[in-house]
Structures are given as C-alpha cells and as structure tokens.
Amino acid sequence: MSKSKEEFDKALLHLKSSNTEDEILSHITFIIKGFNISLYKDILLSNPYYKDLLKDIVKDVLFDLKKLKRVVEEEILSIDDVLKKEGYSIKLRELKGDCLSLSYEIDNKILDIKSLI
C-alpha cells in the first residue's frame, strides 16, 4: 500500500496544481489510499478546504477497504476449504499467510483513516 516519499511529493504536487474539485477529490483519494497517514495527515487537516472534503472521501475509501477485506477473508476461507479437502500444501499455507498479513494491513489502514475524521 505505501509508496515512497518521492511518489508522495509528486502526488502532493498534482493535488496542489489541481484546477477542479473533481481533480482534488481524485488526488486526495489517491493519497489516502496509497500513502502512510504520517505523510499526509497534517497537510490535509491544515487546509480547511481539504479538511471539509475529507468526510466524504474517507467514507468512500473506508467502503472500498472494507470491500477488499471481505474479498481477502473469502479467499482465506476458500484456502481453508482446499486445505481440508486436499491436505497440507506449503504453497497454500504461504498464500494463506500472505492473505492474513494483507487482512491485518487493511485493518491498520482502516484505523488510520478513521483517525482523520
């Protein structure tokens, strides 16, 4: 999920050079979804216009993340079913571990984003 500081600076530059509200919404959404909250929280909250837009953006981003989490959880259940039927598989266990890690990462991202509002 997290990208480099250089990529963040580029995204921030795009946000600051936006000409329409749709562009601003798109860039803020991209920033919230793709970067660590420590990079953007103060910047977004210190700008009254961005802060006002955050409520709607956060709602949409949380919806997307929760949907993604459901898909990952379904994949974990599917892997469990295959493991029960076919027995031990190193590849499936690794895949399940990756899915669990992603699920925890999504949970942490959700908590971070909720702290914006």
C-alpha atoms as a PDB file:
ATOM      1  CA  MET A   1       0.000   0.000   0.000  1.00  0.00           C
ATOM      2  CA  SER A   2       2.655   2.519   0.976  1.00  0.00           C
ATOM      3  CA  LYS A   3       4.694   4.210  -1.675  1.00  0.00           C
ATOM      4  CA  SER A   4       7.934   6.203  -1.478  1.00  0.00           C
ATOM      5  CA  LYS A   5       8.347   9.773  -0.242  1.00  0.00           C
ATOM      6  CA  GLU A   6       9.275  10.779  -3.783  1.00  0.00           C
ATOM      7  CA  GLU A   7       5.975   9.391  -5.103  1.00  0.00           C
ATOM      8  CA  PHE A   8       4.148  11.196  -2.301  1.00  0.00           C
ATOM      9  CA  ASP A   9       5.790  14.503  -3.217  1.00  0.00           C
ATOM     10  CA  LYS A  10       4.694  14.004  -6.824  1.00  0.00           C
ATOM     11  CA  ALA A  11       1.111  13.197  -5.728  1.00  0.00           C
ATOM     12  CA  LEU A  12       1.081  16.269  -3.485  1.00  0.00           C
ATOM     13  CA  LEU A  13       2.281  18.423  -6.366  1.00  0.00           C
ATOM     14  CA  HIS A  14      -0.576  17.079  -8.518  1.00  0.00           C
ATOM     15  CA  LEU A  15      -3.028  17.867  -5.719  1.00  0.00           C
ATOM     16  CA  LYS A  16      -1.761  21.424  -5.313  1.00  0.00           C
ATOM     17  CA  SER A  17      -1.927  22.051  -9.062  1.00  0.00           C
ATOM     18  CA  SER A  18      -5.481  20.713  -9.395  1.00  0.00           C
ATOM     19  CA  ASN A  19      -7.930  23.045 -11.102  1.00  0.00           C
ATOM     20  CA  THR A  20     -11.266  21.399 -10.365  1.00  0.00           C
ATOM     21  CA  GLU A  21     -12.935  19.866  -7.342  1.00  0.00           C
ATOM     22  CA  ASP A  22     -13.076  16.505  -9.135  1.00  0.00           C
ATOM     23  CA  GLU A  23      -9.297  16.585  -9.609  1.00  0.00           C
ATOM     24  CA  ILE A  24      -8.802  17.499  -5.963  1.00  0.00           C
ATOM     25  CA  LEU A  25     -11.094  14.677  -4.830  1.00  0.00           C
ATOM     26  CA  SER A  26      -9.263  12.226  -7.064  1.00  0.00           C
ATOM     27  CA  HIS A  27      -5.816  13.254  -5.831  1.00  0.00           C
ATOM     28  CA  ILE A  28      -6.783  13.231  -2.147  1.00  0.00           C
ATOM     29  CA  THR A  29      -8.346   9.797  -2.580  1.00  0.00           C
ATOM     30  CA  PHE A  30      -5.159   8.555  -4.258  1.00  0.00           C
ATOM     31  CA  ILE A  31      -3.051   9.953  -1.426  1.00  0.00           C
ATOM     32  CA  ILE A  32      -5.218   8.464   1.322  1.00  0.00           C
ATOM     33  CA  LYS A  33      -5.328   5.043  -0.326  1.00  0.00           C
ATOM     34  CA  GLY A  34      -1.685   4.857  -1.266  1.00  0.00           C
ATOM     35  CA  PHE A  35       0.397   6.532   1.402  1.00  0.00           C
ATOM     36  CA  ASN A  36       1.120   6.331   5.086  1.00  0.00           C
ATOM     37  CA  ILE A  37      -1.045   8.662   7.153  1.00  0.00           C
ATOM     38  CA  SER A  38       2.018  10.254   8.743  1.00  0.00           C
ATOM     39  CA  LEU A  39       2.904  11.781   5.365  1.00  0.00           C
ATOM     40  CA  TYR A  40      -0.401  13.467   4.638  1.00  0.00           C
ATOM     41  CA  LYS A  41      -2.444  13.916   7.818  1.00  0.00           C
ATOM     42  CA  ASP A  42      -1.107  17.333   8.835  1.00  0.00           C
ATOM     43  CA  ILE A  43      -1.146  18.609   5.253  1.00  0.00           C
ATOM     44  CA  LEU A  44      -4.771  17.646   4.643  1.00  0.00           C
ATOM     45  CA  LEU A  45      -6.077  18.678   8.043  1.00  0.00           C
ATOM     46  CA  SER A  46      -4.328  22.070   7.973  1.00  0.00           C
ATOM     47  CA  ASN A  47      -6.102  23.076   4.754  1.00  0.00           C
ATOM     48  CA  PRO A  48      -9.749  23.967   5.522  1.00  0.00           C
ATOM     49  CA  TYR A  49     -10.903  23.083   2.007  1.00  0.00           C
ATOM     50  CA  TYR A  50      -9.205  19.677   2.008  1.00  0.00           C
ATOM     51  CA  LYS A  51     -10.416  19.031   5.543  1.00  0.00           C
ATOM     52  CA  ASP A  52     -14.002  19.747   4.501  1.00  0.00           C
ATOM     53  CA  LEU A  53     -13.736  17.276   1.612  1.00  0.00           C
ATOM     54  CA  LEU A  54     -12.222  14.563   3.824  1.00  0.00           C
ATOM     55  CA  LYS A  55     -15.518  13.412   5.332  1.00  0.00           C
ATOM     56  CA  ASP A  56     -16.915  12.212   2.011  1.00  0.00           C
ATOM     57  CA  ILE A  57     -13.587  10.902   0.747  1.00  0.00           C
ATOM     58  CA  VAL A  58     -12.911   8.933   3.924  1.00  0.00           C
ATOM     59  CA  LYS A  59     -16.372   7.376   3.753  1.00  0.00           C
ATOM     60  CA  ASP A  60     -15.715   6.182   0.187  1.00  0.00           C
ATOM     61  CA  VAL A  61     -12.209   4.926   0.942  1.00  0.00           C
ATOM     62  CA  LEU A  62     -13.400   3.017   4.014  1.00  0.00           C
ATOM     63  CA  PHE A  63     -16.143   1.411   1.928  1.00  0.00           C
ATOM     64  CA  ASP A  64     -13.548   0.275  -0.639  1.00  0.00           C
ATOM     65  CA  LEU A  65     -11.184  -1.054   2.039  1.00  0.00           C
ATOM     66  CA  LYS A  66     -13.943  -2.972   3.799  1.00  0.00           C
ATOM     67  CA  LYS A  67     -14.984  -4.490   0.484  1.00  0.00           C
ATOM     68  CA  LEU A  68     -11.374  -5.502  -0.172  1.00  0.00           C
ATOM     69  CA  LYS A  69     -11.132  -7.014   3.312  1.00  0.00           C
ATOM     70  CA  ARG A  70     -14.243  -9.123   2.651  1.00  0.00           C
ATOM     71  CA  VAL A  71     -12.675 -10.448  -0.550  1.00  0.00           C
ATOM     72  CA  VAL A  72      -9.456 -11.331   1.289  1.00  0.00           C
ATOM     73  CA  GLU A  73     -11.436 -13.058   4.057  1.00  0.00           C
ATOM     74  CA  GLU A  74     -13.368 -15.056   1.460  1.00  0.00           C
ATOM     75  CA  GLU A  75     -10.059 -16.102  -0.084  1.00  0.00           C
ATOM     76  CA  ILE A  76      -8.795 -17.249   3.321  1.00  0.00           C
ATOM     77  CA  LEU A  77     -11.931 -19.362   3.799  1.00  0.00           C
ATOM     78  CA  SER A  78     -11.509 -20.800   0.311  1.00  0.00           C
ATOM     79  CA  ILE A  79      -7.903 -21.720   1.075  1.00  0.00           C
ATOM     80  CA  ASP A  80      -9.007 -23.370   4.321  1.00  0.00           C
ATOM     81  CA  ASP A  81     -11.574 -25.429   2.411  1.00  0.00           C
ATOM     82  CA  VAL A  82      -8.952 -26.619  -0.070  1.00  0.00           C
ATOM     83  CA  LEU A  83      -6.532 -27.450   2.740  1.00  0.00           C
ATOM     84  CA  LYS A  84      -9.215 -29.535   4.487  1.00  0.00           C
ATOM     85  CA  LYS A  85     -10.028 -31.426   1.307  1.00  0.00           C
ATOM     86  CA  GLU A  86      -6.550 -31.879  -0.129  1.00  0.00           C
ATOM     87  CA  GLY A  87      -4.371 -31.818   2.965  1.00  0.00           C
ATOM     88  CA  TYR A  88      -1.165 -29.975   3.691  1.00  0.00           C
ATOM     89  CA  SER A  89       0.315 -27.736   0.999  1.00  0.00           C
ATOM     90  CA  ILE A  90       3.251 -25.404   1.560  1.00  0.00           C
ATOM     91  CA  LYS A  91       2.131 -23.088  -1.244  1.00  0.00           C
ATOM     92  CA  LEU A  92      -1.415 -22.810   0.116  1.00  0.00           C
ATOM     93  CA  ARG A  93      -0.156 -22.210   3.660  1.00  0.00           C
ATOM     94  CA  GLU A  94       2.099 -19.442   2.337  1.00  0.00           C
ATOM     95  CA  LEU A  95      -0.789 -17.955   0.372  1.00  0.00           C
ATOM     96  CA  LYS A  96      -2.993 -18.052   3.459  1.00  0.00           C
ATOM     97  CA  GLY A  97      -0.246 -16.322   5.453  1.00  0.00           C
ATOM     98  CA  ASP A  98       0.020 -13.623   2.800  1.00  0.00           C
ATOM     99  CA  CYS A  99      -3.756 -13.158   2.856  1.00  0.00           C
ATOM    100  CA  LEU A 100      -3.769 -12.893   6.662  1.00  0.00           C
ATOM    101  CA  SER A 101      -0.977 -10.309   6.517  1.00  0.00           C
ATOM    102  CA  LEU A 102      -2.924  -8.320   3.940  1.00  0.00           C
ATOM    103  CA  SER A 103      -6.034  -8.512   6.095  1.00  0.00           C
ATOM    104  CA  TYR A 104      -4.116  -7.106   9.097  1.00  0.00           C
ATOM    105  CA  GLU A 105      -2.625  -4.387   6.899  1.00  0.00           C
ATOM    106  CA  ILE A 106      -6.111  -3.424   5.710  1.00  0.00           C
ATOM    107  CA  ASP A 107      -7.337  -3.308   9.332  1.00  0.00           C
ATOM    108  CA  ASN A 108      -4.478  -0.979  10.249  1.00  0.00           C
ATOM    109  CA  LYS A 109      -5.161   1.243   7.236  1.00  0.00           C
ATOM    110  CA  ILE A 110      -8.850   1.432   8.214  1.00  0.00           C
ATOM    111  CA  LEU A 111      -7.927   2.514  11.748  1.00  0.00           C
ATOM    112  CA  ASP A 112      -5.507   5.124  10.410  1.00  0.00           C
ATOM    113  CA  ILE A 113      -8.075   6.568   8.039  1.00  0.00           C
ATOM    114  CA  LYS A 114     -10.791   6.649  10.701  1.00  0.00           C
ATOM    115  CA  SER A 115      -8.485   8.865  12.763  1.00  0.00           C
ATOM    116  CA  LEU A 116      -8.827  11.572  10.102  1.00  0.00           C
ATOM    117  CA  ILE A 117     -12.451  12.276  10.972  1.00  0.00           C
END
